[in-house]
Amino acid sequence: MFKELNGKRLLVLGGTAWADILFAFAKENNIQLLTTGKNPNKMFSEYYYVDSTDHEGMKKLIREKNIDGVYVGSHEGVIRQATQYLAELGLPCYCRVEQWDTLMNKRKFKELCQKFDIPVAPKYNWTLQNPCEIEFPVITKPADGCASVGIKICHNEEDLREGYQFAYDNSPSHEVLVEKLVNNSGMDVFFQITNSEIEFCGLGDKYPVQLAEGAGSVAGARILPSIYTDDFRSRFEDKLKAMFSSVGLYQGLIWMEVFHDGDDYYFNEVGYRPNGSLTIVGIDYFYGINTVAADMYYALTGTGKAHGFSSLILKPHETGKKKVCEYWIACKHGTIGTIEGIDELKSQPNVLAVFPKYDVGSTIPHTNGFAQNFCVVHFAYDTSAELNTVIGFIKTTVVVTDSNGEDMIIHKSDKFVEGLLKDNQ
């Protein structure tokens, strides 16, 4: 137990996908957790119906309920607002609104990358009003979008016009990017920032899938560490650290999506928050950093601390394995009627953590994006044969049906699994 946390009251905004981790750290340190929102999560014993983007309502709630700190693990819209009212209250927040805006706008972020000689995908200054010559395929996306929403791959002029309008409609600022489509065999790189010190904490190879033809890619699986880790670090680590330092970042987990095409790397976008794929498990496994505990500690003390926390892997099986896989299970749109196999997965020796995002009765949205991922399974392994065995167990064990008893899982193709195994022999 950290004595300085004893009896503190922590307001949680988001992060319920990893609620077990939040509750475990709170119990260990006698922290009282509460939450709020238009539809607050009732797994918390104390909750309030205050919109977390309502500045005056939130400031009033925080003062009246004697809240000592706010854990910001929510989506981008909430985070941006929280940075502002927490600053007004003088409470710790891991970033400032100007830092957030610099990083989250894809155009601004790519301009920042170019200042530090970090390569990005070529873009076209194409608009509906002022089209220019295009070499297809291209990808259209909102400059301020997230979770793969508003993205379309375009192979011709008709696709491009549709994709531009789609991105425009899904952009709060109505700013659209049109970029060359590069090989989307990708990876994500992670850094933990503590008291302005930037620590490399993993590069993972990402294996994307499309949930519908023409849609943007979402995570199908990620393998840590990447087979390209040494090459990547030698070429980019110092540049990336210098870039983050230039923005004045001082706390939290930051990660970047990178496309890998032959000898080339293209940096696509950045996330400055707990990532939705929950790579926090692999980071803890290999680097001993419990990023959830670090964020909670900072929110309550204003002091950065990365190491020395209990592991967030609640059942730390197989801690000597060389690789960790994040394996995503996506579902079709509909209302969940039954879920089977989650407890069986958790009992498997290779499995480090299982995080379902939805419960029975929940509705899977129709986004063709990240929101359709139902569950992520984290497991450790040494060989491709072991990897294949665990994937086979997942595919035969987890069953999700809708209210009519129809299978909801979007099953990955044999080709997807073959590619995963080939790269991880």
Protein backbone atom coordinates (compact mmCIF):
# COMPACT_ATOMS: atom_id res chain seq x y z
CA MET A 1 0.00 0.00 0.00
CA PHE A 2 1.10 3.56 -0.76
CA LYS A 3 0.29 5.56 2.36
CA GLU A 4 -0.10 8.76 0.39
CA LEU A 5 -3.10 7.21 -1.42
CA ASN A 6 -4.91 5.90 1.66
CA GLY A 7 -8.48 7.18 1.85
CA LYS A 8 -8.25 9.30 -1.32
CA ARG A 9 -11.31 9.77 -3.53
CA LEU A 10 -10.74 9.19 -7.25
CA LEU A 11 -13.28 10.07 -9.91
CA VAL A 12 -13.02 7.65 -12.87
CA LEU A 13 -13.90 8.90 -16.36
CA GLY A 14 -13.86 5.93 -18.73
CA GLY A 15 -11.58 2.94 -18.42
CA THR A 16 -14.33 0.51 -17.51
CA ALA A 17 -12.99 -1.95 -20.10
CA TRP A 18 -10.20 -2.58 -17.59
CA ALA A 19 -12.32 -2.00 -14.48
CA ASP A 20 -10.87 -5.08 -12.73
CA ILE A 21 -7.46 -3.38 -12.77
CA LEU A 22 -8.86 -0.11 -11.44
CA PHE A 23 -10.71 -1.86 -8.62
CA ALA A 24 -7.74 -4.05 -7.70
CA PHE A 25 -5.39 -1.07 -7.30
CA ALA A 26 -8.06 0.89 -5.43
CA LYS A 27 -8.63 -1.97 -2.99
CA GLU A 28 -4.90 -2.43 -2.43
CA ASN A 29 -4.49 1.26 -1.56
CA ASN A 30 -7.86 2.01 0.11
CA ILE A 31 -8.88 4.42 -2.66
CA GLN A 32 -12.57 5.25 -2.97
CA LEU A 33 -13.69 5.11 -6.60
CA LEU A 34 -16.65 6.96 -8.04
CA THR A 35 -17.81 7.78 -11.54
CA THR A 36 -20.17 10.01 -13.49
CA GLY A 37 -21.71 10.48 -16.91
CA LYS A 38 -24.98 10.62 -18.79
CA ASN A 39 -25.27 6.87 -18.19
CA PRO A 40 -22.79 6.12 -15.39
CA ASN A 41 -21.43 2.64 -14.89
CA LYS A 42 -23.28 1.15 -11.94
CA MET A 43 -20.50 -1.28 -11.06
CA PHE A 44 -19.18 1.67 -9.03
CA SER A 45 -20.78 1.95 -5.61
CA GLU A 46 -20.85 5.74 -5.94
CA TYR A 47 -21.98 7.28 -9.23
CA TYR A 48 -23.56 10.51 -10.46
CA TYR A 49 -25.51 11.67 -13.50
CA VAL A 50 -23.32 14.56 -14.57
CA ASP A 51 -22.12 14.82 -18.17
CA SER A 52 -18.32 14.54 -18.04
CA THR A 53 -18.00 17.18 -20.79
CA ASP A 54 -20.03 19.75 -18.80
CA HIS A 55 -17.35 22.08 -17.39
CA GLU A 56 -19.44 23.83 -14.75
CA GLY A 57 -21.30 20.67 -13.75
CA MET A 58 -18.06 18.75 -13.37
CA LYS A 59 -16.34 21.47 -11.36
CA LYS A 60 -19.33 21.62 -9.03
CA LEU A 61 -19.39 17.82 -8.62
CA ILE A 62 -15.65 17.61 -7.94
CA ARG A 63 -15.84 20.32 -5.28
CA GLU A 64 -19.02 19.09 -3.57
CA LYS A 65 -17.94 15.43 -3.43
CA ASN A 66 -14.46 16.22 -2.11
CA ILE A 67 -12.77 14.49 -5.03
CA ASP A 68 -8.98 14.35 -4.72
CA GLY A 69 -8.19 13.43 -8.33
CA VAL A 70 -9.64 12.39 -11.68
CA TYR A 71 -8.55 9.35 -13.70
CA VAL A 72 -9.03 10.20 -17.38
CA GLY A 73 -9.23 6.98 -19.36
CA SER A 74 -12.11 7.86 -21.61
CA HIS A 75 -12.48 8.67 -25.28
CA GLU A 76 -10.96 11.71 -26.97
CA GLY A 77 -13.96 14.03 -26.61
CA VAL A 78 -14.07 13.64 -22.84
CA ILE A 79 -10.31 13.88 -22.41
CA ARG A 80 -10.08 17.22 -24.21
CA GLN A 81 -12.77 18.71 -21.99
CA ALA A 82 -11.27 17.24 -18.81
CA THR A 83 -7.89 18.80 -19.49
CA GLN A 84 -9.57 22.21 -19.32
CA TYR A 85 -11.72 21.94 -16.20
CA LEU A 86 -9.04 20.07 -14.26
CA ALA A 87 -6.61 22.88 -15.04
CA GLU A 88 -9.18 25.40 -13.80
CA LEU A 89 -9.56 23.43 -10.56
CA GLY A 90 -5.80 23.04 -10.10
CA LEU A 91 -6.05 19.23 -10.08
CA PRO A 92 -3.42 17.02 -11.72
CA CYS A 93 -3.98 16.16 -15.37
CA TYR A 94 -1.45 14.29 -17.44
CA CYS A 95 -1.61 16.78 -20.35
CA ARG A 96 -2.68 20.30 -21.26
CA VAL A 97 -5.30 21.12 -23.86
CA GLU A 98 -2.77 22.73 -26.22
CA GLN A 99 -0.65 19.55 -26.13
CA TRP A 100 -3.75 17.47 -26.79
CA ASP A 101 -4.76 19.58 -29.79
CA THR A 102 -1.27 19.46 -31.30
CA LEU A 103 -1.15 15.68 -31.15
CA MET A 104 -4.74 14.69 -31.88
CA ASN A 105 -5.22 16.68 -35.07
CA LYS A 106 -3.73 14.37 -37.68
CA ARG A 107 -2.64 17.22 -39.94
CA LYS A 108 -0.86 19.11 -37.14
CA PHE A 109 0.72 15.91 -35.87
CA LYS A 110 2.11 14.98 -39.28
CA GLU A 111 3.55 18.45 -39.68
CA LEU A 112 5.24 17.98 -36.30
CA CYS A 113 6.66 14.63 -37.45
CA GLN A 114 8.14 16.22 -40.55
CA LYS A 115 9.98 18.79 -38.41
CA PHE A 116 11.83 15.91 -36.76
CA ASP A 117 12.52 13.96 -39.95
CA ILE A 118 9.93 11.32 -39.11
CA PRO A 119 8.33 10.02 -42.32
CA VAL A 120 4.57 10.19 -42.92
CA ALA A 121 2.37 8.97 -45.77
CA PRO A 122 2.22 11.42 -48.71
CA LYS A 123 -0.97 13.47 -48.79
CA TYR A 124 -2.98 15.11 -51.55
CA ASN A 125 -4.52 18.57 -51.38
CA TRP A 126 -7.74 17.23 -52.85
CA THR A 127 -11.16 18.58 -51.97
CA LEU A 128 -14.60 18.25 -53.51
CA GLN A 129 -14.41 21.89 -54.62
CA ASN A 130 -10.79 21.75 -55.83
CA PRO A 131 -9.89 18.25 -57.02
CA CYS A 132 -6.38 17.50 -58.17
CA GLU A 133 -4.65 14.61 -59.90
CA ILE A 134 -4.69 11.49 -57.76
CA GLU A 135 -2.78 8.23 -57.96
CA PHE A 136 -5.08 5.55 -56.56
CA PRO A 137 -5.53 3.86 -54.15
CA VAL A 138 -5.85 6.53 -51.47
CA ILE A 139 -7.43 6.66 -48.03
CA THR A 140 -9.74 9.38 -46.74
CA LYS A 141 -10.06 10.12 -43.03
CA PRO A 142 -11.20 12.83 -40.61
CA ALA A 143 -8.27 14.91 -39.38
CA ASP A 144 -9.71 14.71 -35.87
CA GLY A 145 -11.31 11.28 -35.94
CA CYS A 146 -10.63 8.22 -33.83
CA ALA A 147 -11.41 4.48 -33.54
CA SER A 148 -11.28 4.01 -37.35
CA VAL A 149 -14.54 5.95 -37.76
CA GLY A 150 -15.01 7.91 -41.00
CA ILE A 151 -12.26 6.13 -42.91
CA LYS A 152 -12.62 4.78 -46.44
CA ILE A 153 -10.20 3.18 -48.89
CA CYS A 154 -10.73 4.66 -52.36
CA HIS A 155 -9.84 3.00 -55.67
CA ASN A 156 -11.42 5.46 -58.09
CA GLU A 157 -12.98 8.91 -58.41
CA GLU A 158 -16.42 7.79 -57.25
CA ASP A 159 -14.94 6.13 -54.15
CA LEU A 160 -12.96 9.29 -53.42
CA ARG A 161 -15.97 11.57 -53.55
CA GLU A 162 -17.93 9.24 -51.28
CA GLY A 163 -14.98 8.81 -48.93
CA TYR A 164 -14.32 12.53 -48.70
CA GLN A 165 -17.93 13.25 -47.80
CA PHE A 166 -17.94 10.35 -45.30
CA ALA A 167 -14.81 11.71 -43.57
CA TYR A 168 -16.22 15.26 -43.65
CA ASP A 169 -19.42 14.14 -41.96
CA ASN A 170 -17.45 12.32 -39.24
CA SER A 171 -15.04 15.18 -38.50
CA PRO A 172 -16.06 17.63 -35.76
CA SER A 173 -13.99 20.30 -37.53
CA HIS A 174 -14.95 19.08 -41.05
CA GLU A 175 -11.26 18.70 -41.91
CA VAL A 176 -10.43 15.78 -44.22
CA LEU A 177 -7.13 14.13 -45.08
CA VAL A 178 -6.56 12.39 -48.42
CA GLU A 179 -3.43 10.24 -48.30
CA LYS A 180 -1.63 7.69 -50.39
CA LEU A 181 -2.61 4.20 -49.27
CA VAL A 182 0.57 2.51 -48.09
CA ASN A 183 0.98 -1.12 -47.10
CA ASN A 184 -1.06 -1.32 -43.91
CA SER A 185 1.04 -4.08 -42.44
CA GLY A 186 1.60 -2.01 -39.37
CA MET A 187 2.91 -1.70 -35.89
CA ASP A 188 2.44 0.45 -32.80
CA VAL A 189 5.23 1.88 -30.68
CA PHE A 190 4.69 2.74 -27.01
CA PHE A 191 6.43 5.11 -24.61
CA GLN A 192 5.78 5.77 -20.93
CA ILE A 193 6.39 9.36 -19.87
CA THR A 194 7.17 9.96 -16.21
CA ASN A 195 8.16 13.38 -14.87
CA SER A 196 9.11 14.30 -18.47
CA GLU A 197 11.40 11.25 -18.78
CA ILE A 198 10.45 9.18 -21.85
CA GLU A 199 10.88 5.40 -21.64
CA PHE A 200 10.51 3.03 -24.60
CA CYS A 201 8.05 0.31 -23.63
CA GLY A 202 7.42 -1.78 -26.68
CA LEU A 203 6.94 -2.10 -30.42
CA GLY A 204 4.20 -4.46 -31.53
CA ASP A 205 3.44 -5.88 -34.97
CA LYS A 206 -0.21 -5.30 -35.79
CA TYR A 207 -2.24 -7.64 -37.98
CA PRO A 208 -5.24 -5.69 -39.28
CA VAL A 209 -8.58 -6.89 -40.59
CA GLN A 210 -11.41 -5.19 -42.44
CA LEU A 211 -14.87 -5.73 -41.01
CA ALA A 212 -16.45 -4.73 -44.32
CA GLU A 213 -15.24 -4.15 -47.86
CA GLY A 214 -13.76 -0.66 -48.28
CA ALA A 215 -13.74 0.05 -44.54
CA GLY A 216 -10.66 1.09 -42.62
CA SER A 217 -8.62 -1.58 -40.89
CA VAL A 218 -8.99 -2.47 -37.23
CA ALA A 219 -6.86 -4.59 -34.95
CA GLY A 220 -7.16 -8.32 -35.54
CA ALA A 221 -4.11 -9.20 -33.48
CA ARG A 222 -0.89 -7.65 -32.19
CA ILE A 223 2.36 -9.42 -31.33
CA LEU A 224 4.90 -8.04 -28.86
CA PRO A 225 7.80 -7.62 -29.30
CA SER A 226 7.90 -6.77 -33.01
CA ILE A 227 10.29 -8.66 -35.24
CA TYR A 228 11.50 -5.21 -36.36
CA THR A 229 12.22 -3.81 -32.89
CA ASP A 230 16.00 -3.41 -33.18
CA ASP A 231 15.87 -1.76 -36.61
CA PHE A 232 13.06 0.56 -35.57
CA ARG A 233 14.70 1.70 -32.35
CA SER A 234 18.02 2.44 -34.03
CA ARG A 235 16.32 4.58 -36.70
CA PHE A 236 13.59 6.41 -34.80
CA GLU A 237 13.72 6.19 -31.00
CA ASP A 238 15.87 9.28 -30.43
CA LYS A 239 13.88 11.32 -32.98
CA LEU A 240 10.58 10.35 -31.37
CA LYS A 241 11.78 11.21 -27.88
CA ALA A 242 13.01 14.59 -29.12
CA MET A 243 9.66 15.26 -30.78
CA PHE A 244 7.66 14.40 -27.66
CA SER A 245 9.98 16.51 -25.51
CA SER A 246 9.43 19.47 -27.85
CA VAL A 247 5.71 19.41 -27.00
CA GLY A 248 6.53 19.40 -23.28
CA LEU A 249 4.89 16.07 -22.45
CA TYR A 250 5.44 15.10 -18.84
CA GLN A 251 3.19 12.16 -17.91
CA GLY A 252 1.27 9.20 -19.31
CA LEU A 253 1.28 6.56 -22.01
CA ILE A 254 1.77 7.69 -25.60
CA TRP A 255 1.71 5.45 -28.64
CA MET A 256 1.95 5.80 -32.40
CA GLU A 257 0.59 3.77 -35.28
CA VAL A 258 3.24 3.07 -37.93
CA PHE A 259 2.88 1.43 -41.34
CA HIS A 260 5.74 -0.74 -42.53
CA ASP A 261 6.30 -1.13 -46.28
CA GLY A 262 9.51 -2.89 -47.29
CA ASP A 263 12.37 -0.81 -45.90
CA ASP A 264 10.11 2.19 -45.33
CA TYR A 265 8.15 3.26 -42.27
CA TYR A 266 5.26 5.73 -42.36
CA PHE A 267 4.06 7.28 -39.10
CA ASN A 268 0.30 7.60 -39.20
CA GLU A 269 -1.22 8.90 -35.96
CA VAL A 270 -0.70 9.16 -32.23
CA GLY A 271 -2.70 8.23 -29.15
CA TYR A 272 -2.06 9.97 -25.84
CA ARG A 273 -4.19 7.86 -23.51
CA PRO A 274 -4.62 4.19 -22.57
CA ASN A 275 -4.94 2.47 -25.95
CA GLY A 276 -8.18 0.68 -26.74
CA SER A 277 -6.32 -2.52 -27.61
CA LEU A 278 -5.10 -2.67 -24.00
CA THR A 279 -1.45 -3.20 -24.81
CA ILE A 280 -1.01 -2.21 -21.17
CA VAL A 281 -0.86 -5.98 -20.52
CA GLY A 282 2.15 -6.54 -22.78
CA ILE A 283 3.83 -3.41 -21.43
CA ASP A 284 3.50 -4.71 -17.87
CA TYR A 285 4.62 -8.19 -18.91
CA PHE A 286 7.86 -7.08 -20.62
CA TYR A 287 8.70 -3.75 -18.98
CA GLY A 288 7.17 -3.98 -15.50
CA ILE A 289 5.11 -0.82 -15.95
CA ASN A 290 1.54 -0.91 -14.70
CA THR A 291 0.33 2.09 -16.72
CA VAL A 292 -3.13 2.06 -15.07
CA ALA A 293 -1.64 2.28 -11.58
CA ALA A 294 0.78 4.97 -12.78
CA ASP A 295 -2.10 7.07 -14.10
CA MET A 296 -4.13 6.60 -10.92
CA TYR A 297 -1.14 7.51 -8.75
CA TYR A 298 -0.44 10.67 -10.75
CA ALA A 299 -4.10 11.74 -10.68
CA LEU A 300 -4.10 11.61 -6.87
CA THR A 301 -0.62 12.97 -6.14
CA GLY A 302 0.55 15.02 -9.12
CA THR A 303 3.80 13.04 -8.96
CA GLY A 304 4.93 10.67 -11.71
CA LYS A 305 5.85 7.08 -10.89
CA ALA A 306 6.22 4.25 -13.42
CA HIS A 307 7.69 1.32 -11.49
CA GLY A 308 7.05 -0.39 -8.17
CA PHE A 309 3.33 -1.10 -8.56
CA SER A 310 1.68 -4.51 -8.37
CA SER A 311 1.22 -6.22 -11.74
CA LEU A 312 -2.01 -5.48 -13.57
CA ILE A 313 -1.95 -9.07 -14.85
CA LEU A 314 -4.38 -10.45 -12.31
CA LYS A 315 -3.36 -14.04 -13.08
CA PRO A 316 0.26 -13.77 -14.22
CA HIS A 317 0.63 -17.19 -15.87
CA GLU A 318 3.59 -18.20 -17.99
CA THR A 319 5.71 -15.15 -17.18
CA GLY A 320 8.78 -16.63 -18.85
CA LYS A 321 7.35 -16.75 -22.38
CA LYS A 322 9.08 -14.73 -25.10
CA LYS A 323 6.04 -13.31 -26.92
CA VAL A 324 2.64 -11.85 -26.05
CA CYS A 325 -0.30 -11.86 -28.46
CA GLU A 326 -3.35 -9.58 -28.28
CA TYR A 327 -6.07 -11.43 -30.15
CA TRP A 328 -9.26 -9.54 -30.95
CA ILE A 329 -12.70 -11.06 -31.41
CA ALA A 330 -15.00 -8.85 -33.51
CA CYS A 331 -18.76 -9.18 -33.75
CA LYS A 332 -21.50 -8.27 -36.20
CA HIS A 333 -24.00 -5.55 -35.43
CA GLY A 334 -26.80 -6.71 -33.15
CA THR A 335 -27.87 -7.31 -29.56
CA ILE A 336 -25.95 -9.95 -27.63
CA GLY A 337 -28.13 -12.81 -26.40
CA THR A 338 -25.52 -15.21 -25.02
CA ILE A 339 -21.78 -15.27 -24.31
CA GLU A 340 -19.91 -18.49 -23.67
CA GLY A 341 -16.28 -19.44 -23.07
CA ILE A 342 -14.86 -16.38 -21.27
CA ASP A 343 -14.26 -18.20 -17.96
CA GLU A 344 -12.71 -21.14 -19.81
CA LEU A 345 -10.30 -18.75 -21.53
CA LYS A 346 -9.25 -17.14 -18.25
CA SER A 347 -8.39 -20.55 -16.80
CA GLN A 348 -5.93 -21.42 -19.60
CA PRO A 349 -2.26 -21.38 -18.52
CA ASN A 350 -1.07 -19.20 -21.44
CA VAL A 351 -3.75 -16.55 -20.97
CA LEU A 352 -2.66 -13.38 -19.15
CA ALA A 353 -5.90 -11.39 -19.30
CA VAL A 354 -9.29 -11.34 -21.02
CA PHE A 355 -11.21 -8.10 -21.49
CA PRO A 356 -14.75 -8.33 -22.88
CA LYS A 357 -16.09 -4.91 -23.90
CA TYR A 358 -19.75 -5.91 -24.02
CA ASP A 359 -22.16 -7.94 -21.87
CA VAL A 360 -25.32 -9.90 -22.61
CA GLY A 361 -27.96 -7.39 -23.62
CA SER A 362 -25.44 -4.94 -25.08
CA THR A 363 -25.78 -3.83 -28.67
CA ILE A 364 -22.76 -4.07 -30.96
CA PRO A 365 -22.81 -0.88 -33.06
CA HIS A 366 -22.55 -0.89 -36.84
CA THR A 367 -19.40 1.20 -37.36
CA ASN A 368 -17.11 -1.15 -39.32
CA GLY A 369 -14.56 0.15 -36.86
CA PHE A 370 -12.96 -0.53 -33.52
CA ALA A 371 -16.26 -0.40 -31.62
CA GLN A 372 -17.24 -3.75 -33.14
CA ASN A 373 -14.41 -5.52 -31.34
CA PHE A 374 -16.16 -7.52 -28.63
CA CYS A 375 -13.22 -8.86 -26.65
CA VAL A 376 -9.42 -8.97 -26.52
CA VAL A 377 -7.48 -11.97 -25.22
CA HIS A 378 -3.87 -11.55 -24.12
CA PHE A 379 -1.72 -14.65 -24.00
CA ALA A 380 1.97 -15.55 -23.84
CA TYR A 381 3.74 -18.11 -26.00
CA ASP A 382 7.13 -19.22 -27.33
CA THR A 383 6.54 -20.99 -30.65
CA SER A 384 4.23 -20.66 -33.65
CA ALA A 385 2.78 -24.06 -32.78
CA GLU A 386 1.89 -22.79 -29.33
CA LEU A 387 0.43 -19.61 -30.87
CA ASN A 388 -1.71 -21.70 -33.22
CA THR A 389 -2.94 -23.91 -30.37
CA VAL A 390 -4.15 -20.97 -28.29
CA ILE A 391 -5.84 -19.31 -31.29
CA GLY A 392 -7.56 -22.60 -32.05
CA PHE A 393 -8.78 -22.80 -28.46
CA ILE A 394 -10.16 -19.25 -28.64
CA LYS A 395 -11.97 -19.95 -31.91
CA THR A 396 -13.63 -23.10 -30.60
CA THR A 397 -14.37 -21.88 -27.08
CA VAL A 398 -15.80 -18.37 -27.36
CA VAL A 399 -19.37 -18.29 -28.65
CA VAL A 400 -21.44 -15.10 -28.99
CA THR A 401 -25.00 -15.28 -30.30
CA ASP A 402 -27.68 -12.66 -30.82
CA SER A 403 -31.21 -12.67 -29.44
CA ASN A 404 -32.24 -15.06 -32.22
CA GLY A 405 -29.46 -17.53 -31.47
CA GLU A 406 -27.44 -16.54 -34.57
CA ASP A 407 -23.65 -16.49 -34.48
CA MET A 408 -22.38 -12.89 -34.08
CA ILE A 409 -18.63 -13.46 -34.33
CA ILE A 410 -16.84 -12.19 -37.45
CA HIS A 411 -14.51 -15.14 -37.92
CA LYS A 412 -10.98 -14.47 -39.13
CA SER A 413 -9.96 -16.21 -42.33
CA ASP A 414 -7.46 -19.04 -42.50
CA LYS A 415 -5.25 -16.65 -44.51
CA PHE A 416 -5.15 -14.22 -41.59
CA VAL A 417 -4.02 -16.91 -39.16
CA GLU A 418 -1.49 -18.29 -41.66
CA GLY A 419 0.08 -14.84 -41.99
CA LEU A 420 0.26 -14.48 -38.24
CA LEU A 421 1.94 -17.85 -37.85
CA LYS A 422 4.37 -17.29 -40.74
CA ASP A 423 5.74 -14.09 -39.19
CA ASN A 424 6.11 -15.66 -35.75
CA GLN A 425 7.87 -18.95 -36.38
